[in-house]
Amino acid sequence: MVIRWVHYAITSLDPLAASPERLLRLWHEHWHIENRSHWVRDVVFGEDASRARTGSLPEVLALLRAAVSSRFRLAGMDAITVARSQANADHRIALFLVGVP
């Protein structure tokens, strides 16, 4: 038995420019971004479990999580889970990441 999946999407591409190969590549690029950013914020930083729900606090915390994740990546620490553990274990790493010698 062969299982086939059908996915629907909306695009602003001209029908002649929207080949199946291009649409598949765009779809994969989208999910790469989704997985790289949102998964880290949700799982590594526990954003979904956050109880901050009022005022501007949720947005501020989301901005801080994104900034920390970006700072790790700029420092060449692509494994955010490992980088976070290392920074938690050694305050000198955290200080270095914010520019304190």
Protein backbone atom coordinates (compact mmCIF):
# COMPACT_ATOMS: atom_id res chain seq x y z
CA MET A 1 0.00 0.00 0.00
CA VAL A 2 1.34 3.43 -0.96
CA ILE A 3 0.48 6.38 1.25
CA ARG A 4 0.46 9.72 -0.50
CA TRP A 5 0.30 13.02 1.28
CA VAL A 6 -1.15 16.16 -0.19
CA HIS A 7 0.00 19.52 1.12
CA TYR A 8 -1.71 22.77 0.27
CA ALA A 9 -0.01 26.14 0.36
CA ILE A 10 -0.54 29.66 -0.85
CA THR A 11 2.14 31.42 -2.86
CA SER A 12 2.50 34.71 -4.63
CA LEU A 13 4.64 33.09 -7.32
CA ASP A 14 3.49 33.21 -10.89
CA PRO A 15 2.12 29.78 -11.90
CA LEU A 16 4.91 29.42 -14.48
CA ALA A 17 7.56 30.10 -11.79
CA ALA A 18 5.98 27.73 -9.26
CA SER A 19 7.41 24.44 -10.40
CA PRO A 20 6.97 21.48 -8.03
CA GLU A 21 10.73 21.43 -7.42
CA ARG A 22 10.82 25.13 -6.51
CA LEU A 23 7.79 24.85 -4.25
CA LEU A 24 9.35 21.87 -2.47
CA ARG A 25 12.61 23.79 -1.96
CA LEU A 26 10.73 26.82 -0.59
CA TRP A 27 8.70 24.53 1.69
CA HIS A 28 11.86 22.92 3.08
CA GLU A 29 13.54 26.30 3.58
CA HIS A 30 10.51 27.50 5.52
CA TRP A 31 10.58 24.51 7.85
CA HIS A 32 14.34 24.81 8.30
CA ILE A 33 13.81 28.34 9.62
CA GLU A 34 10.83 27.21 11.69
CA ASN A 35 12.78 24.36 13.25
CA ARG A 36 15.96 26.36 13.83
CA SER A 37 14.29 29.30 15.50
CA HIS A 38 11.01 28.28 17.04
CA TRP A 39 12.09 24.84 18.21
CA VAL A 40 15.01 26.36 20.09
CA ARG A 41 12.78 28.97 21.72
CA ASP A 42 10.06 26.46 22.56
CA VAL A 43 12.13 23.49 23.71
CA VAL A 44 15.53 24.82 24.80
CA PHE A 45 14.30 28.05 26.39
CA GLY A 46 10.90 26.74 27.46
CA GLU A 47 8.93 29.52 25.83
CA ASP A 48 5.70 27.50 25.64
CA ALA A 49 5.90 26.74 29.35
CA SER A 50 6.38 30.40 30.27
CA ARG A 51 3.69 31.79 32.53
CA ALA A 52 4.39 35.38 31.48
CA ARG A 53 1.12 36.45 29.93
CA THR A 54 0.46 40.10 30.74
CA GLY A 55 1.68 43.44 29.46
CA SER A 56 4.79 43.56 27.36
CA LEU A 57 6.62 40.88 29.37
CA PRO A 58 5.95 38.02 26.88
CA GLU A 59 7.38 40.09 24.02
CA VAL A 60 10.39 41.22 26.05
CA LEU A 61 11.20 37.64 27.09
CA ALA A 62 10.81 36.42 23.50
CA LEU A 63 13.20 39.15 22.37
CA LEU A 64 15.73 38.17 25.05
CA ARG A 65 15.51 34.48 24.09
CA ALA A 66 16.07 35.34 20.44
CA ALA A 67 18.99 37.63 21.34
CA VAL A 68 20.67 34.94 23.45
CA SER A 69 20.20 32.36 20.71
CA SER A 70 21.63 34.76 18.11
CA ARG A 71 24.58 35.62 20.35
CA PHE A 72 25.39 31.93 20.79
CA ARG A 73 25.30 31.42 17.01
CA LEU A 74 27.43 34.51 16.34
CA ALA A 75 30.02 33.07 18.73
CA GLY A 76 30.06 29.86 16.67
CA MET A 77 28.03 27.88 19.19
CA ASP A 78 25.40 26.34 16.91
CA ALA A 79 24.34 23.64 19.38
CA ILE A 80 22.23 25.96 21.50
CA THR A 81 21.42 23.31 24.11
CA VAL A 82 25.13 22.66 24.69
CA ALA A 83 25.97 26.37 24.62
CA ARG A 84 23.29 27.13 27.18
CA SER A 85 24.55 24.37 29.48
CA GLN A 86 28.12 25.62 29.17
CA ALA A 87 27.13 29.22 29.88
CA ASN A 88 25.10 28.07 32.89
CA ALA A 89 28.05 26.08 34.22
CA ASP A 90 30.70 28.77 33.67
CA HIS A 91 29.78 32.41 34.19
CA ARG A 92 32.87 33.49 32.21
CA ILE A 93 31.25 32.17 29.01
CA ALA A 94 28.11 34.18 29.68
CA LEU A 95 30.17 37.30 30.40
CA PHE A 96 32.22 36.79 27.22
CA LEU A 97 29.03 36.52 25.17
CA VAL A 98 27.89 39.96 26.35
CA GLY A 99 31.31 41.51 25.80
CA VAL A 100 32.71 41.53 29.32
CA PRO A 101 36.39 40.46 29.32
